[in-house]
């Protein structure tokens, strides 16, 4: 009965369900970002910021400083720029995937530009609680959090879309997720971002990532239908 019903559906079921799930996730992220940005504009303090900062920095040690510095460098503009170039080279040499290269560049480059626009729109000052490293510019939303989510999230999308085994896809997806989280934590630990900055960066980054992935999937779908 269910199989016959699925066969009668005139539109691709699984892509449609994924599209709806993505739309729901993007909507949730937009609501989170809107709520946070409203409080930032009103100069309101977030109650969870000092709690999380104290919890994260309670693990402070010279060894942990070095670890967090490594992760914050992985999410820096320079590192992501180099990694994007390497990723695009891999997409060309391995798959001749021109559309993937184009949208990879749009996702990461456009995400960086969007973050710059948002920072200048909200102009939130960075924390002044003994930062371990110096950071320039405004604080909200976190560029490291947003950039790492877009970059490593797009890599995760490419892996999931590949023909690799399910176990390998899960491994890489899990690894990228851990890296994204640790980059965000490193910014809090180093004292250059509030937790609310990091959450906002993740929310904005995920919305942008989903838009780029949806646009690329639309291109693939159009090419498949007209091939």
N, C-alpha and C. Protein backbone atom coordinates (compact mmCIF):
# COMPACT_ATOMS: atom_id res chain seq x y z
N UNK A 1 0.83 -1.19 0.00
CA UNK A 1 0.00 0.00 0.00
C UNK A 1 0.87 1.26 0.00
N UNK A 2 1.85 1.30 0.92
CA UNK A 2 2.73 2.46 1.03
C UNK A 2 3.61 2.58 -0.20
N UNK A 3 4.12 1.42 -0.69
CA UNK A 3 4.97 1.45 -1.87
C UNK A 3 4.22 1.96 -3.08
N UNK A 4 2.96 1.54 -3.23
CA UNK A 4 2.15 2.01 -4.36
C UNK A 4 1.90 3.51 -4.27
N UNK A 5 1.70 3.99 -3.03
CA UNK A 5 1.45 5.41 -2.82
C UNK A 5 2.69 6.22 -3.19
N UNK A 6 3.87 5.71 -2.79
CA UNK A 6 5.12 6.42 -3.10
C UNK A 6 5.34 6.49 -4.59
N UNK A 7 5.02 5.40 -5.30
CA UNK A 7 5.22 5.38 -6.74
C UNK A 7 4.32 6.37 -7.46
N UNK A 8 3.15 6.65 -6.87
CA UNK A 8 2.21 7.57 -7.50
C UNK A 8 2.57 9.04 -7.31
N UNK A 9 3.49 9.30 -6.36
CA UNK A 9 3.86 10.67 -6.09
C UNK A 9 4.59 11.24 -7.30
N UNK A 10 4.18 12.40 -7.78
CA UNK A 10 4.71 12.95 -9.01
C UNK A 10 6.02 13.70 -8.81
N UNK A 11 6.40 14.00 -7.55
CA UNK A 11 7.64 14.72 -7.30
C UNK A 11 8.58 13.81 -6.53
N UNK A 12 9.90 14.03 -6.62
CA UNK A 12 10.86 13.20 -5.90
C UNK A 12 10.66 13.32 -4.39
N UNK A 13 10.33 12.23 -3.74
CA UNK A 13 9.91 12.26 -2.34
C UNK A 13 11.06 12.63 -1.40
N UNK A 14 12.17 11.89 -1.48
CA UNK A 14 13.27 12.10 -0.54
C UNK A 14 13.87 13.50 -0.67
N UNK A 15 14.19 13.98 -1.90
CA UNK A 15 14.69 15.36 -2.00
C UNK A 15 13.71 16.39 -1.45
N UNK A 16 12.41 16.13 -1.65
CA UNK A 16 11.40 17.07 -1.14
C UNK A 16 11.39 17.08 0.38
N UNK A 17 11.49 15.91 1.00
CA UNK A 17 11.53 15.83 2.46
C UNK A 17 12.78 16.51 3.01
N UNK A 18 13.91 16.31 2.33
CA UNK A 18 15.14 16.97 2.75
C UNK A 18 15.03 18.49 2.61
N UNK A 19 14.37 18.91 1.55
CA UNK A 19 14.17 20.35 1.34
C UNK A 19 13.32 20.95 2.45
N UNK A 20 12.26 20.24 2.82
CA UNK A 20 11.40 20.71 3.90
C UNK A 20 12.14 20.74 5.23
N UNK A 21 12.95 19.69 5.47
CA UNK A 21 13.74 19.66 6.71
C UNK A 21 14.73 20.82 6.75
N UNK A 22 15.38 21.09 5.60
CA UNK A 22 16.32 22.20 5.51
C UNK A 22 15.64 23.53 5.73
N UNK A 23 14.44 23.67 5.16
CA UNK A 23 13.68 24.90 5.35
C UNK A 23 13.31 25.10 6.82
N UNK A 24 12.91 24.03 7.48
CA UNK A 24 12.58 24.12 8.91
C UNK A 24 13.79 24.48 9.75
N UNK A 25 14.94 23.87 9.43
CA UNK A 25 16.18 24.16 10.17
C UNK A 25 16.62 25.60 9.94
N UNK A 26 16.54 26.07 8.69
CA UNK A 26 16.92 27.44 8.39
C UNK A 26 16.01 28.43 9.11
N UNK A 27 14.73 28.11 9.17
CA UNK A 27 13.78 28.99 9.88
C UNK A 27 14.12 29.07 11.36
N UNK A 28 14.43 27.93 11.97
CA UNK A 28 14.80 27.90 13.38
C UNK A 28 16.06 28.73 13.64
N UNK A 29 17.05 28.60 12.74
CA UNK A 29 18.29 29.38 12.89
C UNK A 29 18.04 30.87 12.74
N UNK A 30 17.17 31.24 11.81
CA UNK A 30 16.83 32.65 11.63
C UNK A 30 16.16 33.22 12.88
N UNK A 31 15.29 32.42 13.50
CA UNK A 31 14.63 32.87 14.72
C UNK A 31 15.63 33.04 15.86
N UNK A 32 16.59 32.11 15.96
CA UNK A 32 17.61 32.21 17.00
C UNK A 32 18.46 33.46 16.78
N UNK A 33 18.87 33.67 15.52
CA UNK A 33 19.70 34.84 15.22
C UNK A 33 18.92 36.13 15.48
N UNK A 34 17.65 36.14 15.10
CA UNK A 34 16.83 37.34 15.31
C UNK A 34 16.70 37.66 16.79
N UNK A 35 16.52 36.63 17.61
CA UNK A 35 16.38 36.83 19.05
C UNK A 35 17.68 37.38 19.65
N UNK A 36 18.80 36.79 19.25
CA UNK A 36 20.09 37.25 19.76
C UNK A 36 20.40 38.67 19.29
N UNK A 37 20.16 38.93 18.01
CA UNK A 37 20.49 40.25 17.47
C UNK A 37 19.64 41.35 18.08
N UNK A 38 18.41 41.03 18.41
CA UNK A 38 17.54 42.02 19.04
C UNK A 38 18.10 42.44 20.40
N UNK A 39 18.58 41.45 21.16
CA UNK A 39 19.16 41.76 22.47
C UNK A 39 20.46 42.55 22.33
N UNK A 40 21.24 42.23 21.30
CA UNK A 40 22.50 42.95 21.08
C UNK A 40 22.22 44.41 20.73
N UNK A 41 21.24 44.64 19.87
CA UNK A 41 20.88 46.01 19.49
C UNK A 41 20.38 46.82 20.68
N UNK A 42 19.72 46.14 21.60
CA UNK A 42 19.19 46.82 22.79
C UNK A 42 20.22 46.88 23.91
N UNK A 43 21.45 46.43 23.64
CA UNK A 43 22.54 46.45 24.62
C UNK A 43 22.23 45.63 25.86
N UNK A 44 21.42 44.60 25.69
CA UNK A 44 21.06 43.74 26.82
C UNK A 44 22.14 42.66 27.00
N UNK A 45 22.40 42.29 28.24
CA UNK A 45 23.36 41.24 28.54
C UNK A 45 22.67 39.88 28.52
N UNK A 46 23.38 38.88 28.06
CA UNK A 46 22.85 37.51 28.05
C UNK A 46 23.27 36.80 29.32
N UNK A 47 22.32 36.24 30.03
CA UNK A 47 22.63 35.57 31.28
C UNK A 47 23.52 34.35 31.13
N UNK A 48 23.44 33.69 29.97
CA UNK A 48 24.23 32.47 29.79
C UNK A 48 25.68 32.78 29.41
N UNK A 49 25.97 34.00 28.96
CA UNK A 49 27.34 34.32 28.54
C UNK A 49 28.36 34.14 29.66
N UNK A 50 28.21 34.80 30.81
CA UNK A 50 29.22 34.65 31.87
C UNK A 50 29.29 33.23 32.42
N UNK A 51 28.16 32.53 32.43
CA UNK A 51 28.15 31.15 32.95
C UNK A 51 29.01 30.25 32.07
N UNK A 52 28.82 30.36 30.75
CA UNK A 52 29.57 29.53 29.83
C UNK A 52 31.04 29.94 29.79
N UNK A 53 31.30 31.24 29.83
CA UNK A 53 32.69 31.71 29.84
C UNK A 53 33.43 31.15 31.06
N UNK A 54 32.81 31.23 32.22
CA UNK A 54 33.44 30.70 33.44
C UNK A 54 33.68 29.20 33.34
N UNK A 55 32.69 28.47 32.78
CA UNK A 55 32.82 27.03 32.65
C UNK A 55 33.96 26.66 31.70
N UNK A 56 34.04 27.36 30.56
CA UNK A 56 35.07 27.05 29.57
C UNK A 56 36.46 27.40 30.08
N UNK A 57 36.57 28.56 30.72
CA UNK A 57 37.88 29.03 31.16
C UNK A 57 38.33 28.39 32.48
N UNK A 58 37.45 27.59 33.07
CA UNK A 58 37.85 26.86 34.27
C UNK A 58 38.87 25.77 33.94
N UNK A 59 38.97 25.41 32.65
CA UNK A 59 39.94 24.39 32.22
C UNK A 59 41.24 25.03 31.76
N UNK A 60 41.44 26.28 32.09
CA UNK A 60 42.62 27.03 31.63
C UNK A 60 43.92 26.40 32.13
N UNK A 61 44.86 26.27 31.22
CA UNK A 61 46.20 25.78 31.54
C UNK A 61 47.10 26.10 30.34
N UNK A 62 48.40 26.12 30.51
CA UNK A 62 49.29 26.38 29.37
C UNK A 62 49.07 25.38 28.23
N UNK A 63 48.87 24.11 28.56
CA UNK A 63 48.65 23.10 27.53
C UNK A 63 47.34 23.35 26.79
N UNK A 64 46.29 23.69 27.55
CA UNK A 64 45.01 23.98 26.93
C UNK A 64 45.08 25.24 26.08
N UNK A 65 45.88 26.21 26.51
CA UNK A 65 46.08 27.42 25.71
C UNK A 65 46.58 27.05 24.32
N UNK A 66 47.56 26.16 24.26
CA UNK A 66 48.14 25.77 22.98
C UNK A 66 47.13 25.04 22.11
N UNK A 67 46.34 24.18 22.73
CA UNK A 67 45.32 23.44 21.98
C UNK A 67 44.29 24.39 21.39
N UNK A 68 43.82 25.33 22.19
CA UNK A 68 42.81 26.26 21.73
C UNK A 68 43.36 27.20 20.65
N UNK A 69 44.63 27.54 20.76
CA UNK A 69 45.26 28.37 19.73
C UNK A 69 45.31 27.64 18.39
N UNK A 70 45.55 26.34 18.44
CA UNK A 70 45.56 25.53 17.20
C UNK A 70 44.19 25.54 16.55
N UNK A 71 43.16 25.32 17.35
CA UNK A 71 41.81 25.27 16.77
C UNK A 71 41.35 26.63 16.28
N UNK A 72 41.74 27.70 16.98
CA UNK A 72 41.33 29.02 16.51
C UNK A 72 42.04 29.37 15.20
N UNK A 73 43.27 28.88 15.02
CA UNK A 73 43.99 29.11 13.76
C UNK A 73 43.35 28.31 12.61
N UNK A 74 42.83 27.13 12.90
CA UNK A 74 42.16 26.32 11.88
C UNK A 74 40.94 27.05 11.32
N UNK A 75 40.32 27.90 12.15
CA UNK A 75 39.14 28.64 11.71
C UNK A 75 39.44 30.06 11.27
N UNK A 76 40.72 30.42 11.15
CA UNK A 76 41.09 31.78 10.76
C UNK A 76 40.86 32.00 9.26
N UNK A 77 40.84 33.27 8.85
CA UNK A 77 40.62 33.60 7.44
C UNK A 77 41.73 33.03 6.56
N UNK A 78 42.97 33.12 7.04
CA UNK A 78 44.10 32.62 6.26
C UNK A 78 44.00 31.11 6.06
N UNK A 79 43.74 30.39 7.15
CA UNK A 79 43.64 28.93 7.06
C UNK A 79 42.48 28.50 6.17
N UNK A 80 41.33 29.13 6.34
CA UNK A 80 40.18 28.77 5.52
C UNK A 80 40.42 29.12 4.05
N UNK A 81 41.13 30.22 3.79
CA UNK A 81 41.46 30.58 2.41
C UNK A 81 42.32 29.52 1.76
N UNK A 82 43.34 29.06 2.48
CA UNK A 82 44.22 28.01 1.96
C UNK A 82 43.45 26.71 1.76
N UNK A 83 42.59 26.37 2.73
CA UNK A 83 41.82 25.14 2.65
C UNK A 83 40.80 25.18 1.51
N UNK A 84 40.22 26.35 1.27
CA UNK A 84 39.28 26.48 0.14
C UNK A 84 40.01 26.24 -1.18
N UNK A 85 41.19 26.84 -1.32
CA UNK A 85 41.98 26.63 -2.54
C UNK A 85 42.31 25.16 -2.73
N UNK A 86 42.70 24.49 -1.63
CA UNK A 86 43.00 23.06 -1.71
C UNK A 86 41.76 22.25 -2.05
N UNK A 87 40.62 22.63 -1.46
CA UNK A 87 39.37 21.91 -1.74
C UNK A 87 38.93 22.06 -3.18
N UNK A 88 39.07 23.27 -3.72
CA UNK A 88 38.69 23.50 -5.11
C UNK A 88 39.61 22.73 -6.07
N UNK A 89 40.90 22.68 -5.72
CA UNK A 89 41.84 21.91 -6.54
C UNK A 89 41.47 20.43 -6.53
N UNK A 90 41.10 19.93 -5.35
CA UNK A 90 40.67 18.53 -5.23
C UNK A 90 39.41 18.26 -6.05
N UNK A 91 38.45 19.17 -6.00
CA UNK A 91 37.21 19.00 -6.77
C UNK A 91 37.48 18.98 -8.27
N UNK A 92 38.48 19.74 -8.71
CA UNK A 92 38.79 19.78 -10.13
C UNK A 92 39.59 18.54 -10.57
N UNK A 93 40.65 18.22 -9.85
CA UNK A 93 41.51 17.12 -10.24
C UNK A 93 40.83 15.76 -10.07
N UNK A 94 40.03 15.63 -9.03
CA UNK A 94 39.41 14.33 -8.71
C UNK A 94 38.09 14.13 -9.42
N UNK A 95 37.30 15.19 -9.55
CA UNK A 95 35.93 15.02 -10.04
C UNK A 95 35.57 15.92 -11.22
N UNK A 96 36.43 16.88 -11.56
CA UNK A 96 36.09 17.86 -12.61
C UNK A 96 34.74 18.51 -12.32
N UNK A 97 34.50 18.79 -11.02
CA UNK A 97 33.22 19.31 -10.55
C UNK A 97 33.24 20.84 -10.55
N UNK A 98 32.95 21.43 -11.71
CA UNK A 98 33.02 22.89 -11.84
C UNK A 98 31.95 23.58 -10.99
N UNK A 99 30.74 23.03 -11.01
CA UNK A 99 29.66 23.63 -10.22
C UNK A 99 29.95 23.53 -8.73
N UNK A 100 30.51 22.40 -8.30
CA UNK A 100 30.89 22.26 -6.90
C UNK A 100 31.95 23.27 -6.50
N UNK A 101 32.93 23.49 -7.38
CA UNK A 101 33.97 24.49 -7.13
C UNK A 101 33.37 25.88 -7.00
N UNK A 102 32.48 26.21 -7.93
CA UNK A 102 31.87 27.54 -7.93
C UNK A 102 31.09 27.80 -6.65
N UNK A 103 30.25 26.85 -6.25
CA UNK A 103 29.42 27.06 -5.06
C UNK A 103 30.24 26.94 -3.77
N UNK A 104 31.32 26.18 -3.81
CA UNK A 104 32.23 26.14 -2.66
C UNK A 104 32.81 27.53 -2.42
N UNK A 105 33.25 28.17 -3.50
CA UNK A 105 33.80 29.51 -3.40
C UNK A 105 32.74 30.52 -2.98
N UNK A 106 31.54 30.41 -3.55
CA UNK A 106 30.45 31.31 -3.19
C UNK A 106 30.08 31.15 -1.72
N UNK A 107 30.01 29.90 -1.27
CA UNK A 107 29.62 29.63 0.12
C UNK A 107 30.60 30.26 1.10
N UNK A 108 31.89 29.97 0.92
CA UNK A 108 32.89 30.45 1.89
C UNK A 108 33.14 31.95 1.71
N UNK A 109 33.35 32.39 0.46
CA UNK A 109 33.60 33.81 0.22
C UNK A 109 32.41 34.67 0.56
N UNK A 110 31.22 34.24 0.14
CA UNK A 110 30.01 34.99 0.45
C UNK A 110 29.72 35.00 1.94
N UNK A 111 30.02 33.89 2.61
CA UNK A 111 29.82 33.84 4.06
C UNK A 111 30.72 34.82 4.78
N UNK A 112 31.97 34.95 4.30
CA UNK A 112 32.89 35.92 4.89
C UNK A 112 32.41 37.35 4.71
N UNK A 113 31.90 37.64 3.52
CA UNK A 113 31.37 38.98 3.24
C UNK A 113 30.13 39.27 4.09
N UNK A 114 29.25 38.27 4.20
CA UNK A 114 28.05 38.42 5.02
C UNK A 114 28.41 38.67 6.48
N UNK A 115 29.41 37.95 6.98
CA UNK A 115 29.83 38.14 8.36
C UNK A 115 30.36 39.56 8.59
N UNK A 116 31.12 40.06 7.63
CA UNK A 116 31.65 41.42 7.74
C UNK A 116 30.52 42.45 7.78
N UNK A 117 29.51 42.24 6.94
CA UNK A 117 28.36 43.15 6.92
C UNK A 117 27.62 43.12 8.25
N UNK A 118 27.41 41.91 8.79
CA UNK A 118 26.70 41.77 10.06
C UNK A 118 27.47 42.40 11.21
N UNK A 119 28.79 42.18 11.25
CA UNK A 119 29.61 42.76 12.30
C UNK A 119 29.49 44.28 12.32
N UNK A 120 29.57 44.88 11.14
CA UNK A 120 29.49 46.34 11.06
C UNK A 120 28.08 46.86 11.31
N UNK A 121 27.09 46.01 11.10
CA UNK A 121 25.72 46.42 11.38
C UNK A 121 25.45 46.46 12.88
N UNK A 122 25.99 45.50 13.63
CA UNK A 122 25.70 45.42 15.07
C UNK A 122 26.77 46.10 15.93
N UNK A 123 28.01 46.11 15.46
CA UNK A 123 29.10 46.82 16.13
C UNK A 123 29.20 46.50 17.63
N UNK A 124 29.13 45.25 17.94
CA UNK A 124 29.28 44.84 19.33
C UNK A 124 30.76 44.75 19.70
N UNK A 125 31.12 45.35 20.82
CA UNK A 125 32.51 45.31 21.26
C UNK A 125 32.85 43.92 21.81
N UNK A 126 34.10 43.56 21.68
CA UNK A 126 34.56 42.26 22.16
C UNK A 126 34.65 42.25 23.70
N UNK A 127 34.67 41.06 24.30
CA UNK A 127 34.81 40.98 25.77
C UNK A 127 36.13 41.61 26.22
N UNK A 128 36.15 42.13 27.41
CA UNK A 128 37.37 42.73 27.95
C UNK A 128 37.87 41.97 29.18
N UNK A 129 37.59 40.66 29.20
CA UNK A 129 37.95 39.83 30.35
C UNK A 129 39.26 39.09 30.09
N UNK A 130 40.37 39.81 30.13
CA UNK A 130 41.72 39.23 30.01
C UNK A 130 41.84 38.28 28.82
N UNK A 131 41.70 38.77 27.60
CA UNK A 131 41.84 37.89 26.43
C UNK A 131 43.26 37.34 26.32
N UNK A 132 43.37 36.09 25.89
CA UNK A 132 44.68 35.46 25.75
C UNK A 132 45.35 35.89 24.45
N UNK A 133 44.55 36.19 23.44
CA UNK A 133 45.08 36.69 22.17
C UNK A 133 44.39 38.01 21.84
N UNK A 134 44.99 38.75 20.93
CA UNK A 134 44.40 40.00 20.50
C UNK A 134 43.54 39.76 19.27
N UNK A 135 42.37 40.37 19.24
CA UNK A 135 41.47 40.24 18.09
C UNK A 135 40.96 41.62 17.72
N UNK A 136 40.93 41.90 16.42
CA UNK A 136 40.49 43.19 15.93
C UNK A 136 39.06 43.12 15.44
N UNK A 137 38.43 44.27 15.31
CA UNK A 137 37.09 44.32 14.76
C UNK A 137 36.01 44.06 15.80
N UNK A 138 34.79 43.98 15.31
CA UNK A 138 33.64 43.78 16.19
C UNK A 138 33.43 42.30 16.49
N UNK A 139 32.53 42.04 17.42
CA UNK A 139 32.41 40.70 18.01
C UNK A 139 31.25 39.87 17.48
N UNK A 140 30.15 40.51 17.10
CA UNK A 140 28.90 39.80 16.80
C UNK A 140 28.56 39.87 15.32
N UNK A 141 28.34 38.72 14.67
CA UNK A 141 28.54 37.34 15.14
C UNK A 141 29.98 36.89 14.92
N UNK A 142 30.36 35.79 15.55
CA UNK A 142 31.73 35.29 15.45
C UNK A 142 32.06 34.87 14.02
N UNK A 143 33.11 35.47 13.46
CA UNK A 143 33.53 35.11 12.11
C UNK A 143 34.13 33.71 12.06
N UNK A 144 34.86 33.32 13.11
CA UNK A 144 35.42 31.97 13.15
C UNK A 144 34.33 30.92 13.18
N UNK A 145 33.30 31.15 14.02
CA UNK A 145 32.21 30.18 14.11
C UNK A 145 31.45 30.09 12.79
N UNK A 146 31.14 31.23 12.22
CA UNK A 146 30.38 31.26 10.97
C UNK A 146 31.19 30.68 9.81
N UNK A 147 32.45 31.10 9.70
CA UNK A 147 33.29 30.62 8.61
C UNK A 147 33.58 29.14 8.68
N UNK A 148 33.85 28.64 9.89
CA UNK A 148 34.15 27.21 10.03
C UNK A 148 32.92 26.36 9.75
N UNK A 149 31.75 26.83 10.17
CA UNK A 149 30.54 26.05 9.90
C UNK A 149 30.26 25.97 8.40
N UNK A 150 30.45 27.10 7.71
CA UNK A 150 30.22 27.09 6.26
C UNK A 150 31.24 26.20 5.55
N UNK A 151 32.52 26.37 5.89
CA UNK A 151 33.56 25.61 5.20
C UNK A 151 33.46 24.10 5.48
N UNK A 152 33.52 23.75 6.76
CA UNK A 152 33.51 22.32 7.11
C UNK A 152 32.13 21.71 6.87
N UNK A 153 31.08 22.53 6.97
CA UNK A 153 29.75 22.05 6.64
C UNK A 153 29.61 21.72 5.17
N UNK A 154 30.20 22.55 4.30
CA UNK A 154 30.15 22.28 2.86
C UNK A 154 30.96 21.03 2.53
N UNK A 155 32.11 20.87 3.19
CA UNK A 155 32.88 19.64 3.01
C UNK A 155 32.06 18.42 3.41
N UNK A 156 31.36 18.54 4.54
CA UNK A 156 30.51 17.44 4.99
C UNK A 156 29.43 17.12 3.98
N UNK A 157 28.84 18.15 3.39
CA UNK A 157 27.82 17.94 2.35
C UNK A 157 28.41 17.19 1.16
N UNK A 158 29.63 17.57 0.73
CA UNK A 158 30.27 16.90 -0.40
C UNK A 158 30.54 15.43 -0.08
N UNK A 159 30.96 15.17 1.15
CA UNK A 159 31.23 13.78 1.56
C UNK A 159 29.95 12.97 1.57
N UNK A 160 28.89 13.52 2.15
CA UNK A 160 27.60 12.81 2.21
C UNK A 160 27.06 12.56 0.82
N UNK A 161 27.29 13.47 -0.10
CA UNK A 161 26.78 13.33 -1.47
C UNK A 161 27.63 12.38 -2.30
N UNK A 162 28.82 12.03 -1.81
CA UNK A 162 29.73 11.16 -2.55
C UNK A 162 29.25 9.71 -2.49
N UNK A 163 30.00 8.84 -3.16
CA UNK A 163 29.66 7.41 -3.21
C UNK A 163 30.41 6.61 -2.16
N UNK A 164 30.96 7.27 -1.17
CA UNK A 164 31.68 6.57 -0.12
C UNK A 164 30.72 5.75 0.74
N UNK A 165 31.29 4.79 1.47
CA UNK A 165 30.48 3.94 2.34
C UNK A 165 29.88 4.77 3.48
N UNK A 166 28.77 4.28 4.01
CA UNK A 166 28.05 5.02 5.05
C UNK A 166 28.92 5.27 6.28
N UNK A 167 29.72 4.28 6.66
CA UNK A 167 30.60 4.43 7.82
C UNK A 167 31.61 5.54 7.64
N UNK A 168 32.16 5.65 6.43
CA UNK A 168 33.13 6.70 6.14
C UNK A 168 32.46 8.07 6.16
N UNK A 169 31.26 8.14 5.60
CA UNK A 169 30.50 9.40 5.62
C UNK A 169 30.22 9.84 7.05
N UNK A 170 29.82 8.88 7.88
CA UNK A 170 29.53 9.21 9.28
C UNK A 170 30.79 9.69 9.99
N UNK A 171 31.92 9.02 9.73
CA UNK A 171 33.18 9.40 10.38
C UNK A 171 33.56 10.83 10.04
N UNK A 172 33.55 11.17 8.74
CA UNK A 172 33.94 12.51 8.34
C UNK A 172 32.94 13.56 8.81
N UNK A 173 31.67 13.24 8.75
CA UNK A 173 30.66 14.17 9.25
C UNK A 173 30.84 14.44 10.73
N UNK A 174 31.10 13.40 11.51
CA UNK A 174 31.34 13.54 12.94
C UNK A 174 32.59 14.37 13.20
N UNK A 175 33.67 14.09 12.45
CA UNK A 175 34.93 14.81 12.62
C UNK A 175 34.76 16.29 12.31
N UNK A 176 34.09 16.61 11.21
CA UNK A 176 33.86 18.01 10.86
C UNK A 176 33.02 18.71 11.93
N UNK A 177 32.03 18.01 12.46
CA UNK A 177 31.20 18.59 13.51
C UNK A 177 32.00 18.92 14.76
N UNK A 178 32.89 18.01 15.16
CA UNK A 178 33.74 18.24 16.34
C UNK A 178 34.66 19.44 16.11
N UNK A 179 35.23 19.53 14.92
CA UNK A 179 36.14 20.65 14.60
C UNK A 179 35.39 21.98 14.69
N UNK A 180 34.19 22.02 14.13
CA UNK A 180 33.37 23.24 14.16
C UNK A 180 33.09 23.66 15.60
N UNK A 181 32.71 22.71 16.43
CA UNK A 181 32.39 23.01 17.83
C UNK A 181 33.63 23.50 18.58
N UNK A 182 34.77 22.84 18.37
CA UNK A 182 35.99 23.21 19.08
C UNK A 182 36.51 24.58 18.64
N UNK A 183 36.31 24.94 17.39
CA UNK A 183 36.71 26.27 16.94
C UNK A 183 35.88 27.33 17.68
N UNK A 184 34.58 27.09 17.81
CA UNK A 184 33.73 28.01 18.55
C UNK A 184 34.13 28.11 20.01
N UNK A 185 34.42 26.97 20.63
CA UNK A 185 34.84 26.96 22.03
C UNK A 185 36.16 27.70 22.21
N UNK A 186 37.06 27.54 21.23
CA UNK A 186 38.37 28.20 21.33
C UNK A 186 38.23 29.72 21.38
N UNK A 187 37.25 30.25 20.68
CA UNK A 187 37.06 31.71 20.68
C UNK A 187 36.56 32.20 22.04
N UNK A 188 35.75 31.38 22.70
CA UNK A 188 35.29 31.72 24.05
C UNK A 188 36.44 31.59 25.04
N UNK A 189 37.17 30.49 24.93
CA UNK A 189 38.29 30.21 25.83
C UNK A 189 39.34 31.30 25.76
N UNK A 190 39.65 31.75 24.55
CA UNK A 190 40.69 32.75 24.36
C UNK A 190 40.24 34.16 24.75
N UNK A 191 38.96 34.30 25.06
CA UNK A 191 38.45 35.57 25.57
C UNK A 191 38.16 36.63 24.52
N UNK A 192 37.98 36.21 23.26
CA UNK A 192 37.74 37.19 22.19
C UNK A 192 36.29 37.19 21.70
N UNK A 193 35.47 36.29 22.23
CA UNK A 193 34.06 36.25 21.84
C UNK A 193 33.19 35.84 23.03
N UNK A 194 32.00 36.39 23.06
CA UNK A 194 30.97 35.90 23.97
C UNK A 194 30.37 34.63 23.37
N UNK A 195 29.85 33.72 24.21
CA UNK A 195 29.14 32.56 23.69
C UNK A 195 27.99 32.93 22.75
N UNK A 196 27.31 34.03 23.04
CA UNK A 196 26.22 34.47 22.17
C UNK A 196 26.74 34.85 20.78
N UNK A 197 27.97 35.35 20.69
CA UNK A 197 28.58 35.63 19.39
C UNK A 197 28.75 34.34 18.59
N UNK A 198 29.20 33.31 19.29
CA UNK A 198 29.46 32.02 18.64
C UNK A 198 28.16 31.38 18.17
N UNK A 199 27.14 31.40 19.04
CA UNK A 199 25.84 30.83 18.66
C UNK A 199 25.27 31.56 17.45
N UNK A 200 25.37 32.89 17.46
CA UNK A 200 24.88 33.68 16.34
C UNK A 200 25.65 33.37 15.06
N UNK A 201 26.96 33.16 15.19
CA UNK A 201 27.77 32.80 14.04
C UNK A 201 27.37 31.46 13.45
N UNK A 202 27.10 30.49 14.33
CA UNK A 202 26.63 29.19 13.86
C UNK A 202 25.27 29.31 13.16
N UNK A 203 24.37 30.08 13.76
CA UNK A 203 23.02 30.23 13.20
C UNK A 203 23.07 30.88 11.82
N UNK A 204 23.79 32.00 11.71
CA UNK A 204 23.89 32.70 10.43
C UNK A 204 24.63 31.84 9.41
N UNK A 205 25.68 31.16 9.84
CA UNK A 205 26.44 30.31 8.94
C UNK A 205 25.63 29.15 8.40
N UNK A 206 24.80 28.56 9.25
CA UNK A 206 23.99 27.42 8.81
C UNK A 206 22.94 27.85 7.81
N UNK A 207 22.34 29.01 8.02
CA UNK A 207 21.35 29.52 7.06
C UNK A 207 22.01 29.73 5.70
N UNK A 208 23.17 30.39 5.70
CA UNK A 208 23.87 30.65 4.45
C UNK A 208 24.31 29.34 3.77
N UNK A 209 24.81 28.40 4.57
CA UNK A 209 25.22 27.11 4.03
C UNK A 209 24.05 26.38 3.37
N UNK A 210 22.91 26.36 4.03
CA UNK A 210 21.73 25.68 3.49
C UNK A 210 21.26 26.34 2.20
N UNK A 211 21.34 27.66 2.12
CA UNK A 211 20.97 28.36 0.88
C UNK A 211 21.90 27.96 -0.26
N UNK A 212 23.20 27.90 0.01
CA UNK A 212 24.17 27.53 -1.03
C UNK A 212 23.99 26.08 -1.47
N UNK A 213 23.78 25.20 -0.51
CA UNK A 213 23.57 23.78 -0.84
C UNK A 213 22.29 23.60 -1.64
N UNK A 214 21.22 24.30 -1.24
CA UNK A 214 19.96 24.20 -1.96
C UNK A 214 20.11 24.70 -3.40
N UNK A 215 20.86 25.79 -3.58
CA UNK A 215 21.08 26.33 -4.92
C UNK A 215 21.88 25.35 -5.77
N UNK A 216 22.91 24.74 -5.20
CA UNK A 216 23.71 23.76 -5.93
C UNK A 216 22.89 22.53 -6.29
N UNK A 217 22.06 22.08 -5.35
CA UNK A 217 21.20 20.92 -5.64
C UNK A 217 20.20 21.25 -6.75
N UNK A 218 19.73 22.48 -6.79
CA UNK A 218 18.81 22.90 -7.86
C UNK A 218 19.51 22.83 -9.22
N UNK A 219 20.79 23.24 -9.25
CA UNK A 219 21.57 23.16 -10.48
C UNK A 219 21.73 21.71 -10.92
N UNK A 220 22.08 20.82 -9.98
CA UNK A 220 22.24 19.41 -10.29
C UNK A 220 20.93 18.80 -10.80
N UNK A 221 19.82 19.18 -10.17
CA UNK A 221 18.52 18.65 -10.55
C UNK A 221 18.14 19.11 -11.96
N UNK A 222 18.41 20.38 -12.24
CA UNK A 222 18.10 20.93 -13.57
C UNK A 222 18.96 20.24 -14.65
N UNK A 223 20.26 20.04 -14.34
CA UNK A 223 21.14 19.39 -15.30
C UNK A 223 20.71 17.94 -15.55
N UNK A 224 20.30 17.25 -14.48
CA UNK A 224 19.88 15.85 -14.62
C UNK A 224 18.61 15.74 -15.47
N UNK A 225 17.67 16.65 -15.27
CA UNK A 225 16.42 16.61 -16.02
C UNK A 225 16.62 16.95 -17.49
N UNK A 226 17.64 17.73 -17.81
CA UNK A 226 17.85 18.16 -19.17
C UNK A 226 19.01 17.42 -19.86
N UNK A 227 19.51 16.37 -19.23
CA UNK A 227 20.60 15.61 -19.83
C UNK A 227 20.06 14.48 -20.70
